[in-house]
Amino acid sequence: MAYSPYWNPKNETLPREDLQRLQLLKLQRMAAFAYANSPFHRRSFDAAGFHPEQLKTLDDLRRMPFMTREDWMASIAEHPLFGDLPATAETNGIRYHLTSGTSGRTPIRVLDGTKDWDWISEMWCYGIWGFGVRPEDVVYFAFGYGHFIGFWGAHYACEKIGALVIPGGAQTTEARVRQIVDMGVTTVCSTPTYALRLWQQATEMGIDLATQSKVNKIILSGEPAGSIPAVKHQLEEAWGAKCGDTAGMTELGTIMIFECDHQPGGTHIIEDHYIEEVINPDSGEPVGYGELGERVVTSFGRGFIPVLRYRTKDMVMKVPYSTCSCGRTGDLYDGGIRGRWDDMKLIRGTNVYPRAVEAIVREHDAIDEFQIYIWRRDDLRDEITIKVELKPGREAEWPVVEEALARELAHAHEGLRFLIELMEPNTLPRFELKAKRLQDARPVAQY
């Protein structure tokens, strides 16, 4: 059966001027709604001297104050359990989720209503349809279905599309591998880290997923690694399937960007439902195409908790829609989410970003798992060690890997010396959801 390449053909291919008119209309309505119904936003707008009636053009968006995670957390502390951000009674909520709490951050509690949840699954439909999922597919969710929003929306999106959904649930990795093979799964939804783990487990079981499974698509989310070319290359070779990246946030309810099946090296922004600004993280001023900056997101779909000009701290580089030949008119983020500004670590005067380290580590096929360990010597000198496990049978390659890894990491980080340590097999942690490979053991009070 012939299908449209777009989930929403009209909106996904709107001429830019029509798209911007739609954005302005939705922005005006959402700002007015938030001001009238959310005490948080009314207080914030009034403090900034802003009123929704000032929104005459999209450029007027910059009159609106930023919304930060810190403001949200302060609101929750002052008005437990959900703060004064909700625009309706808490009893109207039908879904409850927590942010993942990675990087030591305290989780945020989030509620959604019926309309929000329908919209959340709709946004996932844009993404997974755009990457090629169709009613004939069998979609496996290698996901634990806890309080973290993760792939919950994608599950319901696949049902909306008409695909057969198989929830992985609380199973061992071995049991999940067997299900994927036995049930003829064609699409796997997973974090990049866990997709690698599934393949490693299958190899230990004597199963070649590239030839013994029907998987032809892997939809990734939850980690910046989904847009790291070396990671995608490893996964595509291991599974014999194409890999597409998506990105979302619990605070925003769902995905905002996705990689289409043209695989343009970036992720499309769903601009009929979001305004995504890119700003200089220090000055707050906008940056242009091709410049690295911080994502600031305004959502038109989440009404229970309005989210306007939310500073995500994600590192991105926006490029024009013409970068991809698929016909969508939403702009893209080149290389997807490139990490977070607040994940940066300063080691002896040099900035180190975990995603940049992973991009280099994953170029070495012999490496199985790794960890970034930051520590402080007795002489108060900061050090960074990359702890590495090799794949079974690749031990003889260690001298070459060790030398090359140290050289490449130093070259990419202004000559900073990285210590490389070989670990015994299966001593480093494995992850199902967001990987936490960075361990900073320096005394908190001293930096």
Foldseek 3Di string as FASTA:
>chain_A
DDDDLFPDVDQQQPDPVVLQVLLLVLQLVLQQLQCVFFPLQVVQCVVLVHDSVQSPGPVCLVSHDADEPVSQVVQCVVPPDRGRQFRDDPVQFDAWAWFPCFPVRDIHIDTAHPQLLVVQLVVLLRAVSLAPDALAAEEEELDAPDRHCQCVSVQVNNVVRNHHYDYPHPDDLLVSLVCQLVVQHAEYEFALQVLLVSLLSCVVVVHQQLPRHNHAEYEHEFDLCLLQVLSQVVSCVRNVHHYKYWYDTVVQPHTQWIAGNLRLQWTFGSSSFKDWFFAAPVPRHGDDAPDKGWIFIFGSRGNRRGGRRYTPQWIWGWDAPVSDPSSGRGITTRSYTQAGPVQWDQAPNWTDGPSVLVSLLSNDVQWRDWAWEWEADPVRHIAIEIETEGRPPCVVCVVVSQVVSQVVVCVVTVNHGYHYHYDDPPPDDGDGHRDRRYHYPYDPVPD
